[in-house]
């Protein structure tokens, strides 16, 4: 098993779920880090009930991507060997942390990524549980990444992951918001990281949860992801792995399939 794993939980206004998520994570690891991304509810006060938890507090909301970048930097700085990330809204089952740790102990992977769609995005369970726009966009982006980089993913956006901390030194995460995975996967492919998926539960405690602003429009959100993807590709070194930027539309969107 990893000698010094860290669990990091990015949160923004998670007063409802915070305590239960922290308690569940703390059952499996000694060190828990919470990145409070400028919460305006009672989250900061509730964190005081957990003095053993390390806290990074943003004075204002900076975004999911930069919260994870802070977690990466913290894990590197404090010499953890593995970093496990899970969302603070209760959608990830913390009791699966030992499964990630056992897989990490096999020492043959750099990113262990949770998948909520191990059997595909169109199975009955996925259709019944996941909001339709999220499922369709996930399907589209996952197909695009697999087409261009051969990653073999089934879920490009799951936040439940385990990272080999030494591999994180090769990443430069600068995307502040929810498009951060577009940057993550391109850089991981470029660095030759070994990636494996682990099935996790498909749960949406709050299916009406907002992304915020214009990103609540699915078409705008998808285009934003594509714009970030294009930018990341164009900023990457020219090499045989770099896909052409002329055709970045996901194949399933082009054909009209969900």
C-alpha atoms as a PDB file:
ATOM      1  CA  UNK A   1       0.000   0.000   0.000  1.00  0.00           C
ATOM      2  CA  UNK A   2       1.143   3.589  -0.538  1.00  0.00           C
ATOM      3  CA  UNK A   3       3.168   4.748   2.465  1.00  0.00           C
ATOM      4  CA  UNK A   4       1.922   8.308   2.597  1.00  0.00           C
ATOM      5  CA  UNK A   5      -1.337   8.851   0.675  1.00  0.00           C
ATOM      6  CA  UNK A   6      -3.209  12.132   0.797  1.00  0.00           C
ATOM      7  CA  UNK A   7      -6.900  12.688   0.095  1.00  0.00           C
ATOM      8  CA  UNK A   8      -7.757  16.123  -1.300  1.00  0.00           C
ATOM      9  CA  UNK A   9     -11.313  17.457  -1.444  1.00  0.00           C
ATOM     10  CA  UNK A  10     -12.039  20.661  -3.401  1.00  0.00           C
ATOM     11  CA  UNK A  11     -15.159  22.382  -2.062  1.00  0.00           C
ATOM     12  CA  UNK A  12     -17.267  25.420  -2.792  1.00  0.00           C
ATOM     13  CA  UNK A  13     -20.355  26.018  -0.623  1.00  0.00           C
ATOM     14  CA  UNK A  14     -20.624  22.396   0.510  1.00  0.00           C
ATOM     15  CA  UNK A  15     -22.037  22.940   4.012  1.00  0.00           C
ATOM     16  CA  UNK A  16     -24.568  20.112   3.502  1.00  0.00           C
ATOM     17  CA  UNK A  17     -22.080  17.387   2.609  1.00  0.00           C
ATOM     18  CA  UNK A  18     -18.757  18.550   4.020  1.00  0.00           C
ATOM     19  CA  UNK A  19     -18.767  16.785   7.390  1.00  0.00           C
ATOM     20  CA  UNK A  20     -19.863  13.404   6.059  1.00  0.00           C
ATOM     21  CA  UNK A  21     -17.351  13.494   3.182  1.00  0.00           C
ATOM     22  CA  UNK A  22     -14.463  14.378   5.503  1.00  0.00           C
ATOM     23  CA  UNK A  23     -15.411  11.718   8.057  1.00  0.00           C
ATOM     24  CA  UNK A  24     -15.717   9.065   5.359  1.00  0.00           C
ATOM     25  CA  UNK A  25     -12.352   9.945   3.807  1.00  0.00           C
ATOM     26  CA  UNK A  26     -10.599  10.101   7.188  1.00  0.00           C
ATOM     27  CA  UNK A  27     -11.564   6.487   7.902  1.00  0.00           C
ATOM     28  CA  UNK A  28      -9.144   5.363   5.182  1.00  0.00           C
ATOM     29  CA  UNK A  29      -6.161   7.748   5.255  1.00  0.00           C
ATOM     30  CA  UNK A  30      -4.292   9.693   7.901  1.00  0.00           C
ATOM     31  CA  UNK A  31      -4.087  12.973   6.007  1.00  0.00           C
ATOM     32  CA  UNK A  32      -6.955  14.894   4.430  1.00  0.00           C
ATOM     33  CA  UNK A  33      -6.659  18.233   2.652  1.00  0.00           C
ATOM     34  CA  UNK A  34      -9.654  20.468   1.912  1.00  0.00           C
ATOM     35  CA  UNK A  35      -9.330  23.255  -0.640  1.00  0.00           C
ATOM     36  CA  UNK A  36     -12.050  25.757   0.220  1.00  0.00           C
ATOM     37  CA  UNK A  37     -12.554  27.695  -2.995  1.00  0.00           C
ATOM     38  CA  UNK A  38     -13.929  30.905  -1.505  1.00  0.00           C
ATOM     39  CA  UNK A  39     -17.078  29.442   0.037  1.00  0.00           C
ATOM     40  CA  UNK A  40     -19.675  31.987   1.134  1.00  0.00           C
ATOM     41  CA  UNK A  41     -21.849  29.608   3.155  1.00  0.00           C
ATOM     42  CA  UNK A  42     -20.955  28.016   6.496  1.00  0.00           C
ATOM     43  CA  UNK A  43     -18.241  25.793   4.995  1.00  0.00           C
ATOM     44  CA  UNK A  44     -15.347  27.750   6.614  1.00  0.00           C
ATOM     45  CA  UNK A  45     -17.010  27.537  10.023  1.00  0.00           C
ATOM     46  CA  UNK A  46     -17.710  23.819   9.658  1.00  0.00           C
ATOM     47  CA  UNK A  47     -14.084  23.160   8.765  1.00  0.00           C
ATOM     48  CA  UNK A  48     -13.144  24.364  12.252  1.00  0.00           C
ATOM     49  CA  UNK A  49     -14.775  21.196  13.598  1.00  0.00           C
ATOM     50  CA  UNK A  50     -11.969  19.213  11.934  1.00  0.00           C
ATOM     51  CA  UNK A  51      -8.697  20.621  13.312  1.00  0.00           C
ATOM     52  CA  UNK A  52      -6.805  17.572  12.040  1.00  0.00           C
ATOM     53  CA  UNK A  53      -7.695  18.428   8.424  1.00  0.00           C
ATOM     54  CA  UNK A  54      -5.293  20.562   6.412  1.00  0.00           C
ATOM     55  CA  UNK A  55      -7.049  23.508   4.741  1.00  0.00           C
ATOM     56  CA  UNK A  56      -6.153  25.761   1.825  1.00  0.00           C
ATOM     57  CA  UNK A  57      -8.520  28.707   1.748  1.00  0.00           C
ATOM     58  CA  UNK A  58      -9.035  30.826  -1.364  1.00  0.00           C
ATOM     59  CA  UNK A  59     -10.209  34.347  -0.512  1.00  0.00           C
ATOM     60  CA  UNK A  60     -12.434  34.245  -3.586  1.00  0.00           C
ATOM     61  CA  UNK A  61     -13.796  31.588  -5.919  1.00  0.00           C
ATOM     62  CA  UNK A  62     -10.968  30.658  -8.295  1.00  0.00           C
ATOM     63  CA  UNK A  63     -12.369  27.512  -9.858  1.00  0.00           C
ATOM     64  CA  UNK A  64     -12.229  23.740  -9.690  1.00  0.00           C
ATOM     65  CA  UNK A  65      -9.125  23.456 -11.846  1.00  0.00           C
ATOM     66  CA  UNK A  66      -7.017  25.769  -9.725  1.00  0.00           C
ATOM     67  CA  UNK A  67      -8.242  24.036  -6.568  1.00  0.00           C
ATOM     68  CA  UNK A  68      -6.862  20.778  -7.939  1.00  0.00           C
ATOM     69  CA  UNK A  69      -3.648  22.516  -8.992  1.00  0.00           C
ATOM     70  CA  UNK A  70      -3.253  23.600  -5.358  1.00  0.00           C
ATOM     71  CA  UNK A  71      -3.798  20.001  -4.256  1.00  0.00           C
ATOM     72  CA  UNK A  72      -1.128  18.802  -6.707  1.00  0.00           C
ATOM     73  CA  UNK A  73       1.361  21.389  -5.431  1.00  0.00           C
ATOM     74  CA  UNK A  74       0.614  20.518  -1.799  1.00  0.00           C
ATOM     75  CA  UNK A  75       1.130  16.791  -2.405  1.00  0.00           C
ATOM     76  CA  UNK A  76       4.446  17.445  -4.141  1.00  0.00           C
ATOM     77  CA  UNK A  77       5.633  19.884  -1.489  1.00  0.00           C
ATOM     78  CA  UNK A  78       4.813  17.510   1.378  1.00  0.00           C
ATOM     79  CA  UNK A  79       6.286  14.482  -0.409  1.00  0.00           C
ATOM     80  CA  UNK A  80       3.201  12.302  -0.516  1.00  0.00           C
ATOM     81  CA  UNK A  81       3.505   9.285  -2.752  1.00  0.00           C
ATOM     82  CA  UNK A  82      -0.133   9.154  -3.931  1.00  0.00           C
ATOM     83  CA  UNK A  83      -2.864  11.782  -4.077  1.00  0.00           C
ATOM     84  CA  UNK A  84      -6.537  10.800  -4.151  1.00  0.00           C
ATOM     85  CA  UNK A  85      -9.076  13.440  -5.160  1.00  0.00           C
ATOM     86  CA  UNK A  86     -12.815  13.295  -4.670  1.00  0.00           C
ATOM     87  CA  UNK A  87     -15.527  15.908  -4.933  1.00  0.00           C
ATOM     88  CA  UNK A  88     -17.089  17.458  -1.859  1.00  0.00           C
ATOM     89  CA  UNK A  89     -20.736  17.172  -2.939  1.00  0.00           C
ATOM     90  CA  UNK A  90     -21.249  13.567  -1.850  1.00  0.00           C
ATOM     91  CA  UNK A  91     -21.321  12.028  -5.307  1.00  0.00           C
ATOM     92  CA  UNK A  92     -18.185   9.942  -4.694  1.00  0.00           C
ATOM     93  CA  UNK A  93     -18.230   6.975  -2.340  1.00  0.00           C
ATOM     94  CA  UNK A  94     -15.239   7.479  -0.063  1.00  0.00           C
ATOM     95  CA  UNK A  95     -15.366   3.845   0.993  1.00  0.00           C
ATOM     96  CA  UNK A  96     -13.858   3.074  -2.438  1.00  0.00           C
ATOM     97  CA  UNK A  97     -10.618   4.786  -1.407  1.00  0.00           C
ATOM     98  CA  UNK A  98      -9.084   1.404  -0.405  1.00  0.00           C
ATOM     99  CA  UNK A  99      -9.781   0.119  -3.916  1.00  0.00           C
ATOM    100  CA  UNK A 100      -7.735   2.988  -5.352  1.00  0.00           C
ATOM    101  CA  UNK A 101      -4.974   2.404  -2.796  1.00  0.00           C
ATOM    102  CA  UNK A 102      -4.811  -1.300  -3.609  1.00  0.00           C
ATOM    103  CA  UNK A 103      -4.565  -0.501  -7.320  1.00  0.00           C
ATOM    104  CA  UNK A 104      -1.871   2.094  -6.602  1.00  0.00           C
ATOM    105  CA  UNK A 105       0.116  -0.547  -4.708  1.00  0.00           C
ATOM    106  CA  UNK A 106       0.423  -2.561  -7.925  1.00  0.00           C
ATOM    107  CA  UNK A 107       2.815   0.204  -9.017  1.00  0.00           C
ATOM    108  CA  UNK A 108       2.052   0.008 -12.733  1.00  0.00           C
ATOM    109  CA  UNK A 109      -0.036   3.164 -13.231  1.00  0.00           C
ATOM    110  CA  UNK A 110       0.368   6.930 -12.930  1.00  0.00           C
ATOM    111  CA  UNK A 111      -3.309   7.965 -12.956  1.00  0.00           C
ATOM    112  CA  UNK A 112      -6.130   5.803 -11.634  1.00  0.00           C
ATOM    113  CA  UNK A 113      -9.295   7.471 -12.899  1.00  0.00           C
ATOM    114  CA  UNK A 114     -12.774   6.668 -11.688  1.00  0.00           C
ATOM    115  CA  UNK A 115     -15.338   5.797 -14.314  1.00  0.00           C
ATOM    116  CA  UNK A 116     -19.069   6.106 -13.789  1.00  0.00           C
ATOM    117  CA  UNK A 117     -19.694   4.612 -17.227  1.00  0.00           C
ATOM    118  CA  UNK A 118     -17.653   1.407 -17.428  1.00  0.00           C
ATOM    119  CA  UNK A 119     -20.293  -0.149 -19.703  1.00  0.00           C
ATOM    120  CA  UNK A 120     -20.839   2.994 -21.778  1.00  0.00           C
ATOM    121  CA  UNK A 121     -22.850   6.196 -21.620  1.00  0.00           C
ATOM    122  CA  UNK A 122     -26.030   4.775 -23.107  1.00  0.00           C
ATOM    123  CA  UNK A 123     -26.801   1.878 -20.767  1.00  0.00           C
ATOM    124  CA  UNK A 124     -30.103   2.080 -18.919  1.00  0.00           C
ATOM    125  CA  UNK A 125     -28.550   2.940 -15.555  1.00  0.00           C
ATOM    126  CA  UNK A 126     -26.642   5.874 -17.031  1.00  0.00           C
ATOM    127  CA  UNK A 127     -29.720   7.191 -18.832  1.00  0.00           C
ATOM    128  CA  UNK A 128     -31.802   6.960 -15.677  1.00  0.00           C
ATOM    129  CA  UNK A 129     -29.239   8.508 -13.312  1.00  0.00           C
ATOM    130  CA  UNK A 130     -27.073  11.067 -15.109  1.00  0.00           C
ATOM    131  CA  UNK A 131     -28.492  14.392 -16.368  1.00  0.00           C
ATOM    132  CA  UNK A 132     -28.812  14.003 -20.127  1.00  0.00           C
ATOM    133  CA  UNK A 133     -26.669  16.995 -21.093  1.00  0.00           C
ATOM    134  CA  UNK A 134     -23.805  15.929 -18.836  1.00  0.00           C
ATOM    135  CA  UNK A 135     -23.902  12.388 -20.150  1.00  0.00           C
ATOM    136  CA  UNK A 136     -23.907  13.544 -23.792  1.00  0.00           C
ATOM    137  CA  UNK A 137     -21.056  16.010 -23.321  1.00  0.00           C
ATOM    138  CA  UNK A 138     -19.020  13.458 -21.398  1.00  0.00           C
ATOM    139  CA  UNK A 139     -19.608  10.951 -24.195  1.00  0.00           C
ATOM    140  CA  UNK A 140     -18.534  13.457 -26.831  1.00  0.00           C
ATOM    141  CA  UNK A 141     -15.385  14.631 -25.078  1.00  0.00           C
ATOM    142  CA  UNK A 142     -14.363  11.112 -24.068  1.00  0.00           C
ATOM    143  CA  UNK A 143     -14.706   9.978 -27.678  1.00  0.00           C
ATOM    144  CA  UNK A 144     -12.612  12.933 -28.856  1.00  0.00           C
ATOM    145  CA  UNK A 145      -9.797  12.229 -26.395  1.00  0.00           C
ATOM    146  CA  UNK A 146      -9.767   8.544 -27.273  1.00  0.00           C
ATOM    147  CA  UNK A 147      -9.716   9.310 -30.988  1.00  0.00           C
ATOM    148  CA  UNK A 148      -6.833  11.756 -30.734  1.00  0.00           C
ATOM    149  CA  UNK A 149      -4.727  10.233 -27.972  1.00  0.00           C
ATOM    150  CA  UNK A 150      -5.741   6.572 -27.700  1.00  0.00           C
ATOM    151  CA  UNK A 151      -6.431   6.858 -23.977  1.00  0.00           C
ATOM    152  CA  UNK A 152      -9.129   4.178 -23.804  1.00  0.00           C
ATOM    153  CA  UNK A 153     -11.261   6.187 -21.399  1.00  0.00           C
ATOM    154  CA  UNK A 154     -14.958   5.747 -20.686  1.00  0.00           C
ATOM    155  CA  UNK A 155     -15.333   8.805 -18.396  1.00  0.00           C
ATOM    156  CA  UNK A 156     -13.271  11.935 -19.078  1.00  0.00           C
ATOM    157  CA  UNK A 157     -14.758  14.024 -16.269  1.00  0.00           C
ATOM    158  CA  UNK A 158     -14.855  11.899 -13.128  1.00  0.00           C
ATOM    159  CA  UNK A 159     -13.206  13.763 -10.240  1.00  0.00           C
ATOM    160  CA  UNK A 160     -12.518  10.602  -8.230  1.00  0.00           C
ATOM    161  CA  UNK A 161      -8.884   9.845  -9.080  1.00  0.00           C
ATOM    162  CA  UNK A 162      -5.568   8.699  -7.673  1.00  0.00           C
ATOM    163  CA  UNK A 163      -2.353  10.273  -8.950  1.00  0.00           C
ATOM    164  CA  UNK A 164       1.219   9.115  -8.518  1.00  0.00           C
ATOM    165  CA  UNK A 165       2.631  12.312  -7.037  1.00  0.00           C
ATOM    166  CA  UNK A 166       6.000  12.017  -8.765  1.00  0.00           C
ATOM    167  CA  UNK A 167       4.135  12.067 -12.108  1.00  0.00           C
ATOM    168  CA  UNK A 168       2.372  15.322 -11.187  1.00  0.00           C
ATOM    169  CA  UNK A 169       5.660  17.177 -11.578  1.00  0.00           C
ATOM    170  CA  UNK A 170       5.195  16.878 -15.339  1.00  0.00           C
ATOM    171  CA  UNK A 171       1.838  18.706 -15.309  1.00  0.00           C
ATOM    172  CA  UNK A 172       1.231  22.442 -15.591  1.00  0.00           C
ATOM    173  CA  UNK A 173      -2.427  23.032 -14.757  1.00  0.00           C
ATOM    174  CA  UNK A 174      -3.511  26.601 -15.492  1.00  0.00           C
ATOM    175  CA  UNK A 175      -7.179  26.185 -16.476  1.00  0.00           C
ATOM    176  CA  UNK A 176      -9.175  27.530 -13.519  1.00  0.00           C
ATOM    177  CA  UNK A 177     -12.572  25.938 -14.053  1.00  0.00           C
ATOM    178  CA  UNK A 178     -14.358  22.755 -15.030  1.00  0.00           C
ATOM    179  CA  UNK A 179     -12.514  22.469 -18.359  1.00  0.00           C
ATOM    180  CA  UNK A 180      -9.359  21.501 -16.464  1.00  0.00           C
ATOM    181  CA  UNK A 181      -9.637  17.810 -17.561  1.00  0.00           C
ATOM    182  CA  UNK A 182      -9.075  18.890 -21.164  1.00  0.00           C
ATOM    183  CA  UNK A 183      -5.654  20.160 -20.130  1.00  0.00           C
ATOM    184  CA  UNK A 184      -4.983  17.247 -17.793  1.00  0.00           C
ATOM    185  CA  UNK A 185      -5.548  14.519 -20.369  1.00  0.00           C
ATOM    186  CA  UNK A 186      -3.542  16.187 -23.125  1.00  0.00           C
ATOM    187  CA  UNK A 187      -0.593  16.719 -20.805  1.00  0.00           C
ATOM    188  CA  UNK A 188      -0.866  13.196 -19.374  1.00  0.00           C
ATOM    189  CA  UNK A 189      -0.802  11.730 -22.890  1.00  0.00           C
ATOM    190  CA  UNK A 190       2.096  13.944 -23.900  1.00  0.00           C
ATOM    191  CA  UNK A 191       4.048  12.849 -20.800  1.00  0.00           C
ATOM    192  CA  UNK A 192       3.368   9.194 -21.544  1.00  0.00           C
ATOM    193  CA  UNK A 193       1.571   8.602 -18.269  1.00  0.00           C
ATOM    194  CA  UNK A 194       0.072   5.194 -17.667  1.00  0.00           C
ATOM    195  CA  UNK A 195      -3.691   5.454 -17.113  1.00  0.00           C
ATOM    196  CA  UNK A 196      -6.203   2.957 -15.815  1.00  0.00           C
ATOM    197  CA  UNK A 197      -9.884   3.347 -14.916  1.00  0.00           C
ATOM    198  CA  UNK A 198     -11.636   2.034 -11.817  1.00  0.00           C
ATOM    199  CA  UNK A 199     -15.446   1.675 -11.771  1.00  0.00           C
ATOM    200  CA  UNK A 200     -17.172   3.932  -9.231  1.00  0.00           C
ATOM    201  CA  UNK A 201     -20.809   4.562  -8.413  1.00  0.00           C
ATOM    202  CA  UNK A 202     -22.837   6.836 -10.676  1.00  0.00           C
ATOM    203  CA  UNK A 203     -24.525   9.213  -8.229  1.00  0.00           C
ATOM    204  CA  UNK A 204     -25.883  12.733  -8.585  1.00  0.00           C
ATOM    205  CA  UNK A 205     -27.045  13.967  -5.138  1.00  0.00           C
ATOM    206  CA  UNK A 206     -28.152  17.232  -6.765  1.00  0.00           C
ATOM    207  CA  UNK A 207     -28.961  16.748 -10.485  1.00  0.00           C
ATOM    208  CA  UNK A 208     -29.933  20.424 -10.765  1.00  0.00           C
ATOM    209  CA  UNK A 209     -26.548  21.654  -9.609  1.00  0.00           C
ATOM    210  CA  UNK A 210     -25.293  24.571 -11.719  1.00  0.00           C
ATOM    211  CA  UNK A 211     -21.955  25.063 -13.416  1.00  0.00           C
ATOM    212  CA  UNK A 212     -22.500  28.802 -13.197  1.00  0.00           C
ATOM    213  CA  UNK A 213     -23.034  31.572 -15.711  1.00  0.00           C
ATOM    214  CA  UNK A 214     -22.959  30.756 -19.414  1.00  0.00           C
ATOM    215  CA  UNK A 215     -21.678  27.226 -18.756  1.00  0.00           C
ATOM    216  CA  UNK A 216     -25.154  26.215 -17.643  1.00  0.00           C
ATOM    217  CA  UNK A 217     -25.981  26.215 -21.374  1.00  0.00           C
ATOM    218  CA  UNK A 218     -24.834  22.766 -22.621  1.00  0.00           C
ATOM    219  CA  UNK A 219     -23.906  24.029 -26.095  1.00  0.00           C
ATOM    220  CA  UNK A 220     -21.764  26.824 -24.664  1.00  0.00           C
ATOM    221  CA  UNK A 221     -20.187  24.407 -22.168  1.00  0.00           C
ATOM    222  CA  UNK A 222     -19.235  21.933 -24.881  1.00  0.00           C
ATOM    223  CA  UNK A 223     -17.775  24.696 -27.047  1.00  0.00           C
ATOM    224  CA  UNK A 224     -15.782  25.963 -24.063  1.00  0.00           C
ATOM    225  CA  UNK A 225     -14.297  22.506 -23.541  1.00  0.00           C
ATOM    226  CA  UNK A 226     -13.365  22.353 -27.235  1.00  0.00           C
ATOM    227  CA  UNK A 227     -11.786  25.815 -27.104  1.00  0.00           C
ATOM    228  CA  UNK A 228      -9.643  24.812 -24.117  1.00  0.00           C
ATOM    229  CA  UNK A 229      -8.692  21.586 -25.873  1.00  0.00           C
ATOM    230  CA  UNK A 230      -7.653  23.450 -29.024  1.00  0.00           C
ATOM    231  CA  UNK A 231      -5.594  25.894 -26.985  1.00  0.00           C
ATOM    232  CA  UNK A 232      -3.826  23.103 -25.120  1.00  0.00           C
ATOM    233  CA  UNK A 233      -2.987  21.265 -28.331  1.00  0.00           C
ATOM    234  CA  UNK A 234      -1.685  24.405 -29.987  1.00  0.00           C
ATOM    235  CA  UNK A 235       0.535  25.119 -26.990  1.00  0.00           C
ATOM    236  CA  UNK A 236       2.000  21.615 -26.946  1.00  0.00           C
ATOM    237  CA  UNK A 237       5.244  20.734 -28.706  1.00  0.00           C
ATOM    238  CA  UNK A 238       4.938  19.710 -32.350  1.00  0.00           C
ATOM    239  CA  UNK A 239       5.460  15.981 -32.384  1.00  0.00           C
ATOM    240  CA  UNK A 240       3.987  12.816 -33.833  1.00  0.00           C
ATOM    241  CA  UNK A 241       1.428  12.615 -30.998  1.00  0.00           C
ATOM    242  CA  UNK A 242      -0.022  16.066 -31.607  1.00  0.00           C
ATOM    243  CA  UNK A 243      -3.383  15.796 -33.444  1.00  0.00           C
ATOM    244  CA  UNK A 244      -4.348  18.250 -36.141  1.00  0.00           C
ATOM    245  CA  UNK A 245      -6.336  21.201 -34.820  1.00  0.00           C
ATOM    246  CA  UNK A 246      -8.462  21.480 -37.968  1.00  0.00           C
ATOM    247  CA  UNK A 247     -10.873  18.776 -36.837  1.00  0.00           C
ATOM    248  CA  UNK A 248     -11.622  19.023 -33.133  1.00  0.00           C
ATOM    249  CA  UNK A 249     -15.349  18.378 -33.182  1.00  0.00           C
ATOM    250  CA  UNK A 250     -16.185  15.146 -31.347  1.00  0.00           C
ATOM    251  CA  UNK A 251     -17.204  12.481 -33.816  1.00  0.00           C
ATOM    252  CA  UNK A 252     -20.459  11.671 -31.997  1.00  0.00           C
ATOM    253  CA  UNK A 253     -21.518  15.324 -32.125  1.00  0.00           C
ATOM    254  CA  UNK A 254     -20.719  15.471 -35.817  1.00  0.00           C
ATOM    255  CA  UNK A 255     -23.009  12.539 -36.572  1.00  0.00           C
ATOM    256  CA  UNK A 256     -25.741  13.745 -34.246  1.00  0.00           C
ATOM    257  CA  UNK A 257     -25.542  10.752 -31.892  1.00  0.00           C
ATOM    258  CA  UNK A 258     -25.987  11.482 -28.152  1.00  0.00           C
END
